[in-house]
C-alpha atoms as a PDB file:
ATOM      1  CA  MET A   1     -67.309  30.749 -32.822  1.00  0.00           C
ATOM      2  CA  ILE A   2     -64.961  28.367 -30.795  1.00  0.00           C
ATOM      3  CA  LEU A   3     -61.884  30.119 -29.509  1.00  0.00           C
ATOM      4  CA  ALA A   4     -62.759  33.361 -31.115  1.00  0.00           C
ATOM      5  CA  LEU A   5     -61.354  36.143 -29.110  1.00  0.00           C
ATOM      6  CA  ASN A   6     -59.622  38.193 -31.441  1.00  0.00           C
ATOM      7  CA  ALA A   7     -55.867  38.890 -30.212  1.00  0.00           C
ATOM      8  CA  TRP A   8     -53.355  35.989 -29.562  1.00  0.00           C
ATOM      9  CA  TRP A   9     -52.491  37.336 -26.046  1.00  0.00           C
ATOM     10  CA  GLY A  10     -56.706  37.300 -25.653  1.00  0.00           C
ATOM     11  CA  LEU A  11     -56.183  33.412 -26.262  1.00  0.00           C
ATOM     12  CA  ALA A  12     -52.978  33.529 -23.745  1.00  0.00           C
ATOM     13  CA  THR A  13     -54.340  35.548 -20.710  1.00  0.00           C
ATOM     14  CA  ALA A  14     -57.858  33.221 -20.971  1.00  0.00           C
ATOM     15  CA  ALA A  15     -55.961  29.956 -21.220  1.00  0.00           C
ATOM     16  CA  ALA A  16     -54.083  31.154 -18.456  1.00  0.00           C
ATOM     17  CA  ALA A  17     -56.248  32.118 -16.085  1.00  0.00           C
ATOM     18  CA  ALA A  18     -58.294  29.128 -16.337  1.00  0.00           C
ATOM     19  CA  THR A  19     -55.059  27.155 -15.625  1.00  0.00           C
ATOM     20  CA  VAL A  20     -54.674  29.513 -12.630  1.00  0.00           C
ATOM     21  CA  TYR A  21     -58.089  28.768 -11.327  1.00  0.00           C
ATOM     22  CA  ALA A  22     -58.243  25.642 -11.723  1.00  0.00           C
ATOM     23  CA  VAL A  23     -54.641  24.667  -9.938  1.00  0.00           C
ATOM     24  CA  LEU A  24     -55.906  26.765  -7.192  1.00  0.00           C
ATOM     25  CA  ALA A  25     -59.367  24.976  -7.118  1.00  0.00           C
ATOM     26  CA  LEU A  26     -57.982  21.791  -7.066  1.00  0.00           C
ATOM     27  CA  ALA A  27     -54.571  22.230  -4.832  1.00  0.00           C
ATOM     28  CA  ALA A  28     -56.223  25.005  -2.289  1.00  0.00           C
ATOM     29  CA  PRO A  29     -56.872  22.433   0.603  1.00  0.00           C
ATOM     30  CA  ARG A  30     -52.908  21.812   0.289  1.00  0.00           C
ATOM     31  CA  LEU A  31     -51.548  25.504   0.093  1.00  0.00           C
ATOM     32  CA  GLY A  32     -50.663  27.851   2.524  1.00  0.00           C
ATOM     33  CA  SER A  33     -52.145  31.157   2.859  1.00  0.00           C
ATOM     34  CA  GLY A  34     -49.962  33.289   1.375  1.00  0.00           C
ATOM     35  CA  ALA A  35     -49.560  30.818  -1.813  1.00  0.00           C
ATOM     36  CA  ILE A  36     -53.140  31.170  -2.387  1.00  0.00           C
ATOM     37  CA  ARG A  37     -53.484  35.143  -2.126  1.00  0.00           C
ATOM     38  CA  GLY A  38     -51.317  35.119  -5.085  1.00  0.00           C
ATOM     39  CA  LEU A  39     -52.267  32.649  -6.946  1.00  0.00           C
ATOM     40  CA  LEU A  40     -56.069  34.295  -6.538  1.00  0.00           C
ATOM     41  CA  LEU A  41     -54.222  37.460  -7.487  1.00  0.00           C
ATOM     42  CA  ALA A  42     -52.665  36.253 -10.905  1.00  0.00           C
ATOM     43  CA  ALA A  43     -56.211  34.927 -11.495  1.00  0.00           C
ATOM     44  CA  TRP A  44     -58.038  37.989 -10.715  1.00  0.00           C
ATOM     45  CA  LEU A  45     -55.568  39.868 -13.261  1.00  0.00           C
ATOM     46  CA  LEU A  46     -55.410  37.215 -16.045  1.00  0.00           C
ATOM     47  CA  HIS A  47     -59.421  37.428 -15.704  1.00  0.00           C
ATOM     48  CA  ALA A  48     -59.528  40.862 -15.905  1.00  0.00           C
ATOM     49  CA  LEU A  49     -57.105  41.175 -19.014  1.00  0.00           C
ATOM     50  CA  THR A  50     -59.362  38.661 -21.004  1.00  0.00           C
ATOM     51  CA  LEU A  51     -62.203  40.601 -20.272  1.00  0.00           C
ATOM     52  CA  ALA A  52     -60.760  43.861 -21.208  1.00  0.00           C
ATOM     53  CA  GLU A  53     -59.880  42.126 -24.446  1.00  0.00           C
ATOM     54  CA  GLY A  54     -63.469  41.265 -25.695  1.00  0.00           C
ATOM     55  CA  LEU A  55     -64.874  44.774 -24.061  1.00  0.00           C
ATOM     56  CA  LEU A  56     -62.336  47.083 -25.570  1.00  0.00           C
ATOM     57  CA  GLY A  57     -61.391  44.640 -29.132  1.00  0.00           C
ATOM     58  CA  THR A  58     -62.039  45.752 -32.273  1.00  0.00           C
ATOM     59  CA  PRO A  59     -65.138  45.240 -32.646  1.00  0.00           C
ATOM     60  CA  PRO A  60     -66.425  44.607 -28.870  1.00  0.00           C
ATOM     61  CA  ARG A  61     -67.852  41.415 -27.863  1.00  0.00           C
ATOM     62  CA  PHE A  62     -70.696  41.226 -25.406  1.00  0.00           C
ATOM     63  CA  GLY A  63     -73.725  38.460 -24.599  1.00  0.00           C
ATOM     64  CA  PHE A  64     -74.112  35.518 -22.313  1.00  0.00           C
ATOM     65  CA  ALA A  65     -71.022  34.032 -21.327  1.00  0.00           C
ATOM     66  CA  PRO A  66     -69.325  37.538 -20.772  1.00  0.00           C
ATOM     67  CA  ALA A  67     -71.675  38.532 -18.676  1.00  0.00           C
ATOM     68  CA  ILE A  68     -71.547  35.146 -16.457  1.00  0.00           C
ATOM     69  CA  SER A  69     -67.589  35.746 -16.456  1.00  0.00           C
ATOM     70  CA  MET A  70     -67.398  39.419 -15.382  1.00  0.00           C
ATOM     71  CA  THR A  71     -70.381  38.469 -13.086  1.00  0.00           C
ATOM     72  CA  VAL A  72     -67.872  36.059 -11.760  1.00  0.00           C
ATOM     73  CA  TRP A  73     -65.132  38.598 -11.547  1.00  0.00           C
ATOM     74  CA  LEU A  74     -66.967  40.594  -9.782  1.00  0.00           C
ATOM     75  CA  MET A  75     -67.692  38.279  -7.252  1.00  0.00           C
ATOM     76  CA  LEU A  76     -63.391  37.249  -6.889  1.00  0.00           C
ATOM     77  CA  THR A  77     -63.164  41.036  -6.729  1.00  0.00           C
ATOM     78  CA  VAL A  78     -65.511  41.542  -3.645  1.00  0.00           C
ATOM     79  CA  TYR A  79     -64.345  37.702  -2.294  1.00  0.00           C
ATOM     80  CA  ALA A  80     -60.627  39.676  -2.258  1.00  0.00           C
ATOM     81  CA  PHE A  81     -61.843  42.392   0.088  1.00  0.00           C
ATOM     82  CA  GLU A  82     -63.887  40.250   2.352  1.00  0.00           C
ATOM     83  CA  ARG A  83     -60.593  38.147   2.864  1.00  0.00           C
ATOM     84  CA  ARG A  84     -58.828  41.209   4.196  1.00  0.00           C
ATOM     85  CA  LEU A  85     -61.742  41.979   6.946  1.00  0.00           C
ATOM     86  CA  PHE A  86     -62.824  37.943   7.851  1.00  0.00           C
ATOM     87  CA  PRO A  87     -59.030  36.154   6.539  1.00  0.00           C
ATOM     88  CA  GLN A  88     -60.996  33.031   7.981  1.00  0.00           C
ATOM     89  CA  LEU A  89     -63.508  33.064   5.341  1.00  0.00           C
ATOM     90  CA  GLN A  90     -63.093  29.754   2.982  1.00  0.00           C
ATOM     91  CA  ALA A  91     -64.754  29.689  -0.128  1.00  0.00           C
ATOM     92  CA  HIS A  92     -61.522  30.210  -3.005  1.00  0.00           C
ATOM     93  CA  TRP A  93     -61.922  27.156  -4.036  1.00  0.00           C
ATOM     94  CA  ALA A  94     -65.238  27.319  -5.149  1.00  0.00           C
ATOM     95  CA  LEU A  95     -65.041  30.554  -6.789  1.00  0.00           C
ATOM     96  CA  ALA A  96     -61.711  29.526  -7.873  1.00  0.00           C
ATOM     97  CA  GLY A  97     -63.635  26.418  -9.872  1.00  0.00           C
ATOM     98  CA  LEU A  98     -66.322  28.716 -10.541  1.00  0.00           C
ATOM     99  CA  GLY A  99     -63.635  31.264 -12.920  1.00  0.00           C
ATOM    100  CA  SER A 100     -62.005  28.834 -14.693  1.00  0.00           C
ATOM    101  CA  ALA A 101     -65.632  26.893 -15.678  1.00  0.00           C
ATOM    102  CA  ALA A 102     -66.410  31.278 -16.389  1.00  0.00           C
ATOM    103  CA  VAL A 103     -63.102  32.053 -18.288  1.00  0.00           C
ATOM    104  CA  LEU A 104     -63.795  28.872 -20.538  1.00  0.00           C
ATOM    105  CA  LEU A 105     -67.182  29.160 -21.415  1.00  0.00           C
ATOM    106  CA  VAL A 106     -66.039  32.349 -22.935  1.00  0.00           C
ATOM    107  CA  LEU A 107     -63.475  30.805 -25.847  1.00  0.00           C
ATOM    108  CA  ILE A 108     -66.633  28.991 -26.854  1.00  0.00           C
ATOM    109  CA  PHE A 109     -69.425  31.438 -27.250  1.00  0.00           C
ATOM    110  CA  PRO A 110     -67.679  35.031 -27.112  1.00  0.00           C
ATOM    111  CA  GLY A 111     -70.839  36.855 -27.831  1.00  0.00           C
ATOM    112  CA  ALA A 112     -72.285  39.189 -30.585  1.00  0.00           C
ATOM    113  CA  SER A 113     -70.043  42.104 -32.075  1.00  0.00           C
ATOM    114  CA  TYR A 114     -71.050  45.676 -31.496  1.00  0.00           C
ATOM    115  CA  PRO A 115     -69.525  47.338 -34.425  1.00  0.00           C
ATOM    116  CA  ALA A 116     -71.830  50.858 -33.210  1.00  0.00           C
ATOM    117  CA  ILE A 117     -73.103  51.468 -30.141  1.00  0.00           C
ATOM    118  CA  ALA A 118     -75.819  54.091 -30.450  1.00  0.00           C
ATOM    119  CA  SER A 119     -75.381  55.656 -27.128  1.00  0.00           C
ATOM    120  CA  PRO A 120     -71.665  56.128 -25.208  1.00  0.00           C
ATOM    121  CA  TRP A 121     -73.995  55.995 -22.161  1.00  0.00           C
ATOM    122  CA  LEU A 122     -74.753  52.095 -22.947  1.00  0.00           C
ATOM    123  CA  PRO A 123     -72.016  51.000 -21.306  1.00  0.00           C
ATOM    124  CA  LEU A 124     -72.884  52.522 -18.227  1.00  0.00           C
ATOM    125  CA  HIS A 125     -75.917  50.651 -18.249  1.00  0.00           C
ATOM    126  CA  TRP A 126     -74.364  47.700 -18.614  1.00  0.00           C
ATOM    127  CA  ALA A 127     -71.754  48.414 -15.962  1.00  0.00           C
ATOM    128  CA  LEU A 128     -74.686  49.239 -14.028  1.00  0.00           C
ATOM    129  CA  GLY A 129     -76.510  45.774 -14.708  1.00  0.00           C
ATOM    130  CA  ILE A 130     -73.584  43.100 -14.416  1.00  0.00           C
ATOM    131  CA  ALA A 131     -72.522  45.098 -11.163  1.00  0.00           C
ATOM    132  CA  SER A 132     -76.249  43.807 -10.096  1.00  0.00           C
ATOM    133  CA  TYR A 133     -75.490  40.617 -11.249  1.00  0.00           C
ATOM    134  CA  GLY A 134     -71.954  40.470  -9.019  1.00  0.00           C
ATOM    135  CA  LEU A 135     -73.553  41.506  -6.099  1.00  0.00           C
ATOM    136  CA  PHE A 136     -76.475  39.153  -6.045  1.00  0.00           C
ATOM    137  CA  ALA A 137     -74.640  35.996  -7.064  1.00  0.00           C
ATOM    138  CA  THR A 138     -71.938  37.370  -3.932  1.00  0.00           C
ATOM    139  CA  ALA A 139     -74.967  37.017  -1.902  1.00  0.00           C
ATOM    140  CA  VAL A 140     -76.136  33.332  -3.040  1.00  0.00           C
ATOM    141  CA  VAL A 141     -72.514  32.446  -2.278  1.00  0.00           C
ATOM    142  CA  HIS A 142     -73.140  34.010   1.464  1.00  0.00           C
ATOM    143  CA  GLY A 143     -76.345  32.358   1.519  1.00  0.00           C
ATOM    144  CA  TRP A 144     -74.931  28.929   0.177  1.00  0.00           C
ATOM    145  CA  LEU A 145     -71.552  29.619   2.693  1.00  0.00           C
ATOM    146  CA  MET A 146     -74.529  30.252   5.654  1.00  0.00           C
ATOM    147  CA  THR A 147     -76.758  26.778   4.734  1.00  0.00           C
ATOM    148  CA  ARG A 148     -73.340  24.898   4.834  1.00  0.00           C
ATOM    149  CA  SER A 149     -72.662  26.122   8.182  1.00  0.00           C
ATOM    150  CA  GLU A 150     -75.920  25.516   9.921  1.00  0.00           C
ATOM    151  CA  ARG A 151     -75.799  21.772   8.672  1.00  0.00           C
ATOM    152  CA  ALA A 152     -71.838  22.153  10.145  1.00  0.00           C
ATOM    153  CA  ILE A 153     -73.164  23.401  13.294  1.00  0.00           C
ATOM    154  CA  ARG A 154     -75.318  20.908  14.113  1.00  0.00           C
ATOM    155  CA  THR A 155     -72.989  17.992  13.294  1.00  0.00           C
ATOM    156  CA  ILE A 156     -69.582  19.080  14.182  1.00  0.00           C
ATOM    157  CA  GLY A 157     -70.240  21.928  16.485  1.00  0.00           C
ATOM    158  CA  GLN A 158     -68.268  24.931  14.527  1.00  0.00           C
ATOM    159  CA  THR A 159     -69.256  26.542  11.162  1.00  0.00           C
ATOM    160  CA  TYR A 160     -68.277  25.282   7.827  1.00  0.00           C
ATOM    161  CA  SER A 161     -67.175  29.144   6.485  1.00  0.00           C
ATOM    162  CA  GLY A 162     -65.306  29.933   9.875  1.00  0.00           C
ATOM    163  CA  VAL A 163     -67.210  33.096  10.153  1.00  0.00           C
ATOM    164  CA  PRO A 164     -69.832  32.964  12.511  1.00  0.00           C
ATOM    165  CA  LEU A 165     -73.251  32.371  11.470  1.00  0.00           C
ATOM    166  CA  LEU A 166     -75.115  35.706  12.412  1.00  0.00           C
ATOM    167  CA  THR A 167     -72.112  37.637  10.766  1.00  0.00           C
ATOM    168  CA  LEU A 168     -72.707  35.347   7.020  1.00  0.00           C
ATOM    169  CA  GLU A 169     -76.316  35.965   7.139  1.00  0.00           C
ATOM    170  CA  ARG A 170     -75.633  40.344   7.957  1.00  0.00           C
ATOM    171  CA  LEU A 171     -73.106  40.189   4.889  1.00  0.00           C
ATOM    172  CA  THR A 172     -75.424  38.162   2.886  1.00  0.00           C
ATOM    173  CA  PHE A 173     -78.172  41.031   3.117  1.00  0.00           C
ATOM    174  CA  ARG A 174     -76.252  43.637   2.842  1.00  0.00           C
ATOM    175  CA  PHE A 175     -75.252  42.283  -0.876  1.00  0.00           C
ATOM    176  CA  VAL A 176     -79.188  41.756  -1.353  1.00  0.00           C
ATOM    177  CA  GLU A 177     -79.973  45.040  -0.428  1.00  0.00           C
ATOM    178  CA  ALA A 178     -76.504  46.581  -2.517  1.00  0.00           C
ATOM    179  CA  GLY A 179     -78.076  44.680  -5.897  1.00  0.00           C
ATOM    180  CA  PHE A 180     -81.280  45.727  -5.279  1.00  0.00           C
ATOM    181  CA  VAL A 181     -80.381  49.104  -5.206  1.00  0.00           C
ATOM    182  CA  LEU A 182     -78.279  48.706  -8.554  1.00  0.00           C
ATOM    183  CA  LEU A 183     -81.282  46.884 -10.201  1.00  0.00           C
ATOM    184  CA  SER A 184     -83.279  49.389  -9.490  1.00  0.00           C
ATOM    185  CA  ALA A 185     -81.258  51.830 -10.986  1.00  0.00           C
ATOM    186  CA  THR A 186     -80.782  49.765 -14.018  1.00  0.00           C
ATOM    187  CA  LEU A 187     -84.415  48.738 -14.838  1.00  0.00           C
ATOM    188  CA  LEU A 188     -84.924  52.413 -14.230  1.00  0.00           C
ATOM    189  CA  VAL A 189     -82.255  53.566 -16.676  1.00  0.00           C
ATOM    190  CA  GLY A 190     -83.579  50.964 -19.229  1.00  0.00           C
ATOM    191  CA  TRP A 191     -87.411  52.349 -18.529  1.00  0.00           C
ATOM    192  CA  LEU A 192     -86.832  55.778 -19.424  1.00  0.00           C
ATOM    193  CA  PHE A 193     -84.491  56.120 -21.326  1.00  0.00           C
ATOM    194  CA  ALA A 194     -84.493  53.042 -23.543  1.00  0.00           C
ATOM    195  CA  GLU A 195     -84.655  55.090 -27.093  1.00  0.00           C
ATOM    196  CA  THR A 196     -81.638  57.316 -26.086  1.00  0.00           C
ATOM    197  CA  LEU A 197     -79.415  54.445 -24.722  1.00  0.00           C
ATOM    198  CA  TYR A 198     -80.350  51.866 -27.801  1.00  0.00           C
ATOM    199  CA  GLY A 199     -81.479  54.231 -30.673  1.00  0.00           C
ATOM    200  CA  PRO A 200     -84.740  55.441 -32.047  1.00  0.00           C
ATOM    201  CA  GLY A 201     -87.827  52.823 -32.453  1.00  0.00           C
ATOM    202  CA  LEU A 202     -86.191  51.036 -29.146  1.00  0.00           C
ATOM    203  CA  ALA A 203     -88.579  51.634 -26.799  1.00  0.00           C
ATOM    204  CA  TRP A 204     -89.356  49.835 -23.662  1.00  0.00           C
ATOM    205  CA  LYS A 205     -90.677  46.110 -24.090  1.00  0.00           C
ATOM    206  CA  TRP A 206     -91.868  43.688 -22.623  1.00  0.00           C
ATOM    207  CA  ASN A 207     -90.085  41.026 -23.554  1.00  0.00           C
ATOM    208  CA  HIS A 208     -88.777  37.745 -21.418  1.00  0.00           C
ATOM    209  CA  LYS A 209     -85.599  39.767 -20.541  1.00  0.00           C
ATOM    210  CA  THR A 210     -87.655  42.666 -18.875  1.00  0.00           C
ATOM    211  CA  VAL A 211     -90.206  40.522 -17.684  1.00  0.00           C
ATOM    212  CA  PHE A 212     -87.769  37.873 -16.032  1.00  0.00           C
ATOM    213  CA  SER A 213     -85.836  41.359 -14.875  1.00  0.00           C
ATOM    214  CA  LEU A 214     -89.551  42.730 -13.112  1.00  0.00           C
ATOM    215  CA  LEU A 215     -90.088  39.341 -11.756  1.00  0.00           C
ATOM    216  CA  ALA A 216     -86.293  39.297  -9.647  1.00  0.00           C
ATOM    217  CA  TRP A 217     -86.725  42.620  -9.159  1.00  0.00           C
ATOM    218  CA  LEU A 218     -90.584  41.697  -7.226  1.00  0.00           C
ATOM    219  CA  THR A 219     -89.044  38.645  -5.702  1.00  0.00           C
ATOM    220  CA  PHE A 220     -85.956  40.730  -4.018  1.00  0.00           C
ATOM    221  CA  ALA A 221     -88.436  43.586  -3.099  1.00  0.00           C
ATOM    222  CA  GLY A 222     -90.476  40.774  -1.137  1.00  0.00           C
ATOM    223  CA  LEU A 223     -87.556  39.396   0.198  1.00  0.00           C
ATOM    224  CA  LEU A 224     -86.584  42.405   1.822  1.00  0.00           C
ATOM    225  CA  VAL A 225     -89.732  43.546   2.934  1.00  0.00           C
ATOM    226  CA  GLY A 226     -90.232  40.121   4.224  1.00  0.00           C
ATOM    227  CA  ARG A 227     -87.122  40.392   6.483  1.00  0.00           C
ATOM    228  CA  ALA A 228     -87.455  43.569   7.487  1.00  0.00           C
ATOM    229  CA  ARG A 229     -91.269  43.487   8.731  1.00  0.00           C
ATOM    230  CA  LEU A 230     -92.117  39.543   9.087  1.00  0.00           C
ATOM    231  CA  GLY A 231     -88.680  38.411  10.487  1.00  0.00           C
ATOM    232  CA  TRP A 232     -87.702  36.040   7.612  1.00  0.00           C
ATOM    233  CA  ARG A 233     -84.212  34.434   8.241  1.00  0.00           C
ATOM    234  CA  GLY A 234     -82.863  31.174   7.749  1.00  0.00           C
ATOM    235  CA  HIS A 235     -83.758  28.805   4.766  1.00  0.00           C
ATOM    236  CA  ARG A 236     -86.875  30.227   3.564  1.00  0.00           C
ATOM    237  CA  ALA A 237     -85.365  33.643   3.181  1.00  0.00           C
ATOM    238  CA  ILE A 238     -82.043  31.428   1.297  1.00  0.00           C
ATOM    239  CA  ARG A 239     -84.853  30.074  -0.585  1.00  0.00           C
ATOM    240  CA  VAL A 240     -86.496  33.497  -1.760  1.00  0.00           C
ATOM    241  CA  LEU A 241     -82.486  34.547  -2.337  1.00  0.00           C
ATOM    242  CA  TYR A 242     -82.164  31.518  -4.960  1.00  0.00           C
ATOM    243  CA  LEU A 243     -85.901  32.092  -6.817  1.00  0.00           C
ATOM    244  CA  GLY A 244     -84.744  35.902  -7.337  1.00  0.00           C
ATOM    245  CA  SER A 245     -80.923  34.969  -8.315  1.00  0.00           C
ATOM    246  CA  GLY A 246     -82.891  32.499 -10.735  1.00  0.00           C
ATOM    247  CA  LEU A 247     -85.365  34.583 -12.433  1.00  0.00           C
ATOM    248  CA  LEU A 248     -82.457  37.511 -13.130  1.00  0.00           C
ATOM    249  CA  LEU A 249     -80.146  35.075 -14.383  1.00  0.00           C
ATOM    250  CA  LEU A 250     -83.193  33.884 -17.012  1.00  0.00           C
ATOM    251  CA  GLY A 251     -83.480  37.964 -17.424  1.00  0.00           C
ATOM    252  CA  TYR A 252     -80.261  38.795 -19.641  1.00  0.00           C
ATOM    253  CA  VAL A 253     -78.272  35.485 -19.666  1.00  0.00           C
ATOM    254  CA  GLY A 254     -81.083  33.048 -20.414  1.00  0.00           C
ATOM    255  CA  SER A 255     -82.379  35.556 -22.781  1.00  0.00           C
ATOM    256  CA  ARG A 256     -79.535  36.178 -24.627  1.00  0.00           C
ATOM    257  CA  PHE A 257     -78.437  32.225 -24.425  1.00  0.00           C
ATOM    258  CA  VAL A 258     -81.566  31.614 -26.239  1.00  0.00           C
ATOM    259  CA  LEU A 259     -80.597  34.256 -29.111  1.00  0.00           C
ATOM    260  CA  GLU A 260     -76.549  32.708 -29.721  1.00  0.00           C
ATOM    261  CA  VAL A 261     -76.686  29.401 -28.788  1.00  0.00           C
ATOM    262  CA  ILE A 262     -80.497  27.888 -29.650  1.00  0.00           C
ATOM    263  CA  LEU A 263     -81.533  30.743 -32.472  1.00  0.00           C
ATOM    264  CA  LEU A 264     -77.915  31.106 -33.888  1.00  0.00           C
ATOM    265  CA  ARG A 265     -79.111  34.980 -33.796  1.00  0.00           C
ATOM    266  CA  SER A 266     -76.779  37.820 -33.002  1.00  0.00           C
END
C-alpha cells in the first residue's frame, strides 16, 4: 500500500511537490512575492502531475486520500486566482502545509484501483462531488481567516489576512453558495442515475456516505437560509459552516477511510 504509485515519475513528482510545498510553508515569511508565486506555481504543477498519474494510470486509482489531495489542489487553484484580485491575501503558508501533507498521504494510501468503469459519466459525477468539496474547503479556509482577522482587529486594530473583514465574509459565502449548487447537482445525479453510473443493481442506497452527504446538504441549506432570512453572521455562521463541512467530509472521505484503512476493503 505504501508508495504504490504506478510509475517512477509519479513518485518523483509527488516527492518534488511535497518538498516544494514544505519549503513554501516554512520559508514563506522570509520570501518575496515573486519567489512565493514561483514556488506556488511549481508545487501546483507538480501536484497536478501527481493527481494525473493516479487518475489516468493503468488501472486508475481513487480513494479517500486522492479525494483529499484533489480537494487541496482545487483550493490552491482558487487561491491562486484570488491572489491576483487580492494580493494582500495571506494564506499560502497554511495551504502549502496542507498541500505537502495531502501529497504524502496519497503515497501511503493511493486508493482502490478501478480496472473497469461502468459508465463514462461516472468520472463527471466524481468531478462534481470533488469540486463541491474544493469549494466548501475554500470557504472553510476563508472562515478561518475571518475568525483570525476578527480576533486581530480586537487586539491590534488590523485584519490578520490583510483583506477587509466584510470582503472575507462576502467571499466565504460566495464559495458556500457555489459549493451548495455543485453538491445539489452531485446528489441529484447520484439519485436519478445511480444504476447508469455504477452498474445494474447498484441503485441509490441509504448507506453512511448518503446519510452524511444529505445531512451536510441540509446543514448548508440551513446556513444559506439563516443568512438570508435571519441575518446569521460571524461566529454563528462559521460554526454552521464547519459543521456542514465536517459532515460532508465524513460522507465520502470518512466512509472510504473506514473501508480502505480500518476494514482493508477496496
